[in-house]
Amino acid sequence: MKKLSLFFVIVLMMSLSSCFASEEPLALYGFWGGLWHGVIIVVSLVVKLVSVIAHAINPEYGNWDINIFSFQNEGLAYWVGFVLGIFANLGVFSRLRQVRRNQ
């Protein structure tokens, strides 16, 4: 059972990593983009930290174009979605903690 859970976590991490915020010139993110970036903020933060550490160790590596949020957004709609996505994460994490306490 633990191997199956680990497999699903790895697949989920790989699928989420393809949707990080970047500085793509034609992308303009609105509410839904902000919501998605808020939901995957934990994964984005971990990958960004790994990138910074890898670049500090060896400047040839780890200079990935990954941002925690998008600089090219539609303003208030993006930020409302971003904050709602972060709140959704907080709800999921608190629910996981509650499930673990009950076991």
N, C-alpha and C. Protein backbone atom coordinates (compact mmCIF):
# COMPACT_ATOMS: atom_id res chain seq x y z
N MET A 1 0.82 -1.20 0.00
CA MET A 1 0.00 0.00 0.00
C MET A 1 0.86 1.27 0.00
N LYS A 2 1.98 1.23 0.75
CA LYS A 2 2.84 2.40 0.79
C LYS A 2 3.52 2.64 -0.54
N LYS A 3 3.86 1.58 -1.27
CA LYS A 3 4.48 1.74 -2.59
C LYS A 3 3.49 2.37 -3.56
N LEU A 4 2.24 1.98 -3.48
CA LEU A 4 1.22 2.53 -4.35
C LEU A 4 1.00 4.02 -4.04
N SER A 5 0.99 4.37 -2.77
CA SER A 5 0.84 5.78 -2.38
C SER A 5 2.03 6.60 -2.86
N LEU A 6 3.23 6.06 -2.73
CA LEU A 6 4.42 6.76 -3.19
C LEU A 6 4.38 6.95 -4.70
N PHE A 7 3.92 5.95 -5.42
CA PHE A 7 3.79 6.04 -6.87
C PHE A 7 2.85 7.18 -7.25
N PHE A 8 1.68 7.27 -6.59
CA PHE A 8 0.72 8.31 -6.91
C PHE A 8 1.25 9.69 -6.54
N VAL A 9 2.01 9.80 -5.48
CA VAL A 9 2.61 11.08 -5.11
C VAL A 9 3.62 11.51 -6.17
N ILE A 10 4.43 10.59 -6.65
CA ILE A 10 5.42 10.92 -7.68
C ILE A 10 4.73 11.32 -8.98
N VAL A 11 3.70 10.60 -9.38
CA VAL A 11 2.97 10.94 -10.60
C VAL A 11 2.31 12.31 -10.45
N LEU A 12 1.74 12.58 -9.29
CA LEU A 12 1.11 13.87 -9.04
C LEU A 12 2.13 15.00 -9.09
N MET A 13 3.28 14.81 -8.47
CA MET A 13 4.32 15.84 -8.49
C MET A 13 4.79 16.10 -9.92
N MET A 14 4.95 15.07 -10.71
CA MET A 14 5.41 15.25 -12.09
C MET A 14 4.35 15.96 -12.93
N SER A 15 3.09 15.65 -12.71
CA SER A 15 2.05 16.31 -13.49
C SER A 15 1.86 17.76 -13.08
N LEU A 16 2.05 18.06 -11.80
CA LEU A 16 1.92 19.44 -11.35
C LEU A 16 3.10 20.29 -11.77
N SER A 17 4.25 19.70 -11.92
CA SER A 17 5.44 20.48 -12.24
C SER A 17 5.40 21.06 -13.64
N SER A 18 4.52 20.59 -14.49
CA SER A 18 4.45 21.11 -15.85
C SER A 18 3.66 22.41 -15.92
N CYS A 19 3.07 22.84 -14.84
CA CYS A 19 2.20 24.02 -14.86
C CYS A 19 2.69 25.13 -13.95
N PHE A 20 3.99 25.26 -13.75
CA PHE A 20 4.52 26.32 -12.91
C PHE A 20 4.33 27.67 -13.59
N ALA A 21 4.31 28.70 -12.80
CA ALA A 21 4.27 30.05 -13.35
C ALA A 21 5.63 30.36 -13.96
N SER A 22 5.61 30.99 -15.10
CA SER A 22 6.86 31.37 -15.75
C SER A 22 6.69 32.75 -16.37
N GLU A 23 7.75 33.26 -16.93
CA GLU A 23 7.70 34.56 -17.56
C GLU A 23 7.55 34.42 -19.06
N GLU A 24 6.64 33.59 -19.48
CA GLU A 24 6.38 33.39 -20.90
C GLU A 24 5.73 34.66 -21.47
N PRO A 25 6.23 35.18 -22.57
CA PRO A 25 5.77 36.50 -23.03
C PRO A 25 4.30 36.56 -23.44
N LEU A 26 3.73 35.49 -23.92
CA LEU A 26 2.35 35.55 -24.39
C LEU A 26 1.33 35.10 -23.35
N ALA A 27 1.77 34.66 -22.20
CA ALA A 27 0.85 34.17 -21.18
C ALA A 27 0.39 35.32 -20.29
N LEU A 28 -0.92 35.47 -20.16
CA LEU A 28 -1.50 36.45 -19.25
C LEU A 28 -2.50 35.69 -18.39
N TYR A 29 -2.17 35.54 -17.11
CA TYR A 29 -2.94 34.69 -16.22
C TYR A 29 -4.04 35.47 -15.54
N GLY A 30 -5.23 34.86 -15.48
CA GLY A 30 -6.38 35.46 -14.82
C GLY A 30 -6.72 34.71 -13.54
N PHE A 31 -8.01 34.65 -13.23
CA PHE A 31 -8.46 34.02 -11.98
C PHE A 31 -8.08 32.55 -11.92
N TRP A 32 -8.33 31.80 -12.98
CA TRP A 32 -8.08 30.36 -12.96
C TRP A 32 -6.59 30.06 -12.89
N GLY A 33 -5.79 30.85 -13.58
CA GLY A 33 -4.34 30.68 -13.47
C GLY A 33 -3.85 30.97 -12.07
N GLY A 34 -4.40 32.02 -11.46
CA GLY A 34 -4.03 32.34 -10.09
C GLY A 34 -4.45 31.26 -9.11
N LEU A 35 -5.64 30.71 -9.33
CA LEU A 35 -6.12 29.63 -8.47
C LEU A 35 -5.19 28.42 -8.58
N TRP A 36 -4.81 28.08 -9.80
CA TRP A 36 -3.92 26.93 -10.00
C TRP A 36 -2.55 27.18 -9.38
N HIS A 37 -2.00 28.37 -9.56
CA HIS A 37 -0.70 28.68 -8.98
C HIS A 37 -0.76 28.69 -7.46
N GLY A 38 -1.89 29.05 -6.89
CA GLY A 38 -2.05 28.98 -5.44
C GLY A 38 -2.13 27.55 -4.94
N VAL A 39 -2.77 26.69 -5.72
CA VAL A 39 -2.89 25.28 -5.33
C VAL A 39 -1.54 24.58 -5.38
N ILE A 40 -0.71 24.88 -6.38
CA ILE A 40 0.58 24.19 -6.51
C ILE A 40 1.73 24.96 -5.89
N ILE A 41 1.44 25.90 -5.01
CA ILE A 41 2.51 26.74 -4.45
C ILE A 41 3.52 25.93 -3.65
N VAL A 42 3.09 24.88 -2.98
CA VAL A 42 4.03 24.08 -2.19
C VAL A 42 5.02 23.37 -3.11
N VAL A 43 4.52 22.81 -4.19
CA VAL A 43 5.40 22.13 -5.15
C VAL A 43 6.33 23.15 -5.81
N SER A 44 5.78 24.31 -6.18
CA SER A 44 6.59 25.36 -6.80
C SER A 44 7.69 25.84 -5.86
N LEU A 45 7.36 25.99 -4.59
CA LEU A 45 8.34 26.45 -3.62
C LEU A 45 9.47 25.44 -3.45
N VAL A 46 9.13 24.17 -3.37
CA VAL A 46 10.16 23.14 -3.21
C VAL A 46 11.08 23.10 -4.43
N VAL A 47 10.50 23.14 -5.62
CA VAL A 47 11.32 23.09 -6.84
C VAL A 47 12.16 24.35 -6.97
N LYS A 48 11.61 25.50 -6.61
CA LYS A 48 12.38 26.75 -6.66
C LYS A 48 13.56 26.70 -5.68
N LEU A 49 13.34 26.18 -4.48
CA LEU A 49 14.43 26.05 -3.51
C LEU A 49 15.51 25.10 -3.99
N VAL A 50 15.11 23.98 -4.59
CA VAL A 50 16.09 23.05 -5.15
C VAL A 50 16.88 23.73 -6.27
N SER A 51 16.20 24.52 -7.08
CA SER A 51 16.87 25.23 -8.16
C SER A 51 17.89 26.22 -7.63
N VAL A 52 17.52 26.98 -6.60
CA VAL A 52 18.44 27.96 -6.03
C VAL A 52 19.65 27.27 -5.39
N ILE A 53 19.41 26.19 -4.67
CA ILE A 53 20.51 25.46 -4.02
C ILE A 53 21.44 24.84 -5.06
N ALA A 54 20.85 24.24 -6.11
CA ALA A 54 21.67 23.64 -7.16
C ALA A 54 22.50 24.70 -7.87
N HIS A 55 21.92 25.87 -8.09
CA HIS A 55 22.65 26.95 -8.76
C HIS A 55 23.75 27.51 -7.86
N ALA A 56 23.55 27.51 -6.55
CA ALA A 56 24.57 27.99 -5.61
C ALA A 56 25.75 27.02 -5.55
N ILE A 57 25.45 25.72 -5.65
CA ILE A 57 26.52 24.72 -5.61
C ILE A 57 27.33 24.74 -6.89
N ASN A 58 26.64 24.75 -8.02
CA ASN A 58 27.31 24.75 -9.31
C ASN A 58 26.53 25.70 -10.23
N PRO A 59 27.08 26.82 -10.61
CA PRO A 59 26.35 27.81 -11.42
C PRO A 59 25.87 27.31 -12.77
N GLU A 60 26.38 26.18 -13.25
CA GLU A 60 25.93 25.65 -14.53
C GLU A 60 24.57 24.96 -14.41
N TYR A 61 24.16 24.61 -13.21
CA TYR A 61 22.92 23.87 -12.99
C TYR A 61 21.93 24.70 -12.20
N GLY A 62 20.68 24.32 -12.30
CA GLY A 62 19.66 24.85 -11.43
C GLY A 62 19.15 26.23 -11.74
N ASN A 63 19.44 26.77 -12.90
CA ASN A 63 18.93 28.09 -13.23
C ASN A 63 17.62 27.95 -14.01
N TRP A 64 16.63 27.35 -13.37
CA TRP A 64 15.35 27.07 -14.02
C TRP A 64 14.46 28.29 -13.94
N ASP A 65 13.64 28.46 -14.94
CA ASP A 65 12.71 29.59 -14.99
C ASP A 65 11.41 29.21 -14.30
N ILE A 66 11.43 29.17 -12.97
CA ILE A 66 10.26 28.81 -12.19
C ILE A 66 9.98 29.93 -11.20
N ASN A 67 8.75 30.36 -11.16
CA ASN A 67 8.35 31.41 -10.23
C ASN A 67 7.27 30.87 -9.30
N ILE A 68 7.14 31.49 -8.15
CA ILE A 68 6.09 31.11 -7.21
C ILE A 68 4.75 31.65 -7.70
N PHE A 69 4.75 32.83 -8.28
CA PHE A 69 3.55 33.41 -8.87
C PHE A 69 3.91 34.06 -10.18
N SER A 70 2.90 34.36 -10.99
CA SER A 70 3.15 34.93 -12.31
C SER A 70 3.21 36.45 -12.23
N PHE A 71 4.22 37.03 -12.85
CA PHE A 71 4.33 38.47 -12.90
C PHE A 71 3.41 39.06 -13.97
N GLN A 72 3.07 38.24 -14.95
CA GLN A 72 2.18 38.69 -16.02
C GLN A 72 0.77 38.19 -15.70
N ASN A 73 0.02 38.99 -14.96
CA ASN A 73 -1.31 38.58 -14.58
C ASN A 73 -2.30 39.71 -14.84
N GLU A 74 -3.56 39.40 -14.65
CA GLU A 74 -4.62 40.37 -14.92
C GLU A 74 -4.98 41.19 -13.68
N GLY A 75 -4.14 41.19 -12.69
CA GLY A 75 -4.37 42.04 -11.52
C GLY A 75 -5.19 41.37 -10.44
N LEU A 76 -6.27 42.00 -10.05
CA LEU A 76 -7.07 41.57 -8.91
C LEU A 76 -7.62 40.16 -9.09
N ALA A 77 -8.08 39.83 -10.28
CA ALA A 77 -8.64 38.50 -10.52
C ALA A 77 -7.60 37.41 -10.25
N TYR A 78 -6.38 37.63 -10.70
CA TYR A 78 -5.31 36.66 -10.48
C TYR A 78 -5.03 36.52 -8.99
N TRP A 79 -4.92 37.62 -8.28
CA TRP A 79 -4.56 37.58 -6.87
C TRP A 79 -5.66 36.97 -6.03
N VAL A 80 -6.92 37.20 -6.38
CA VAL A 80 -8.02 36.56 -5.66
C VAL A 80 -7.94 35.05 -5.85
N GLY A 81 -7.73 34.59 -7.07
CA GLY A 81 -7.57 33.17 -7.33
C GLY A 81 -6.37 32.58 -6.63
N PHE A 82 -5.26 33.33 -6.61
CA PHE A 82 -4.03 32.86 -5.95
C PHE A 82 -4.25 32.66 -4.46
N VAL A 83 -4.89 33.63 -3.81
CA VAL A 83 -5.14 33.52 -2.37
C VAL A 83 -6.14 32.40 -2.09
N LEU A 84 -7.16 32.24 -2.91
CA LEU A 84 -8.10 31.12 -2.72
C LEU A 84 -7.41 29.77 -2.89
N GLY A 85 -6.46 29.69 -3.82
CA GLY A 85 -5.70 28.45 -4.00
C GLY A 85 -4.84 28.14 -2.78
N ILE A 86 -4.24 29.17 -2.18
CA ILE A 86 -3.45 28.97 -0.96
C ILE A 86 -4.37 28.51 0.17
N PHE A 87 -5.54 29.13 0.30
CA PHE A 87 -6.49 28.70 1.33
C PHE A 87 -6.95 27.27 1.11
N ALA A 88 -7.09 26.87 -0.15
CA ALA A 88 -7.46 25.48 -0.44
C ALA A 88 -6.37 24.53 0.05
N ASN A 89 -5.11 24.92 -0.14
CA ASN A 89 -4.00 24.12 0.39
C ASN A 89 -4.07 24.00 1.89
N LEU A 90 -4.33 25.10 2.57
CA LEU A 90 -4.42 25.07 4.03
C LEU A 90 -5.52 24.13 4.49
N GLY A 91 -6.64 24.13 3.77
CA GLY A 91 -7.73 23.23 4.11
C GLY A 91 -7.37 21.77 3.90
N VAL A 92 -6.66 21.47 2.83
CA VAL A 92 -6.25 20.09 2.56
C VAL A 92 -5.25 19.62 3.61
N PHE A 93 -4.27 20.48 3.95
CA PHE A 93 -3.27 20.07 4.93
C PHE A 93 -3.88 19.89 6.31
N SER A 94 -4.81 20.75 6.69
CA SER A 94 -5.43 20.58 8.01
C SER A 94 -6.29 19.33 8.03
N ARG A 95 -6.91 19.01 6.92
CA ARG A 95 -7.72 17.78 6.84
C ARG A 95 -6.84 16.55 6.95
N LEU A 96 -5.66 16.57 6.30
CA LEU A 96 -4.73 15.44 6.41
C LEU A 96 -4.25 15.25 7.84
N ARG A 97 -3.99 16.34 8.52
CA ARG A 97 -3.54 16.24 9.90
C ARG A 97 -4.65 15.65 10.78
N GLN A 98 -5.88 16.03 10.52
CA GLN A 98 -7.00 15.52 11.29
C GLN A 98 -7.20 14.02 11.04
N VAL A 99 -7.02 13.59 9.80
CA VAL A 99 -7.17 12.17 9.47
C VAL A 99 -6.08 11.36 10.17
N ARG A 100 -4.86 11.88 10.20
CA ARG A 100 -3.77 11.16 10.88
C ARG A 100 -4.00 11.04 12.37
N ARG A 101 -4.58 12.06 12.99
CA ARG A 101 -4.87 12.00 14.42
C ARG A 101 -5.91 10.94 14.73
N ASN A 102 -6.87 10.75 13.83
CA ASN A 102 -7.94 9.79 14.05
C ASN A 102 -7.49 8.35 13.86
N GLN A 103 -6.35 8.13 13.21
CA GLN A 103 -5.91 6.76 12.95
C GLN A 103 -5.22 6.18 14.11
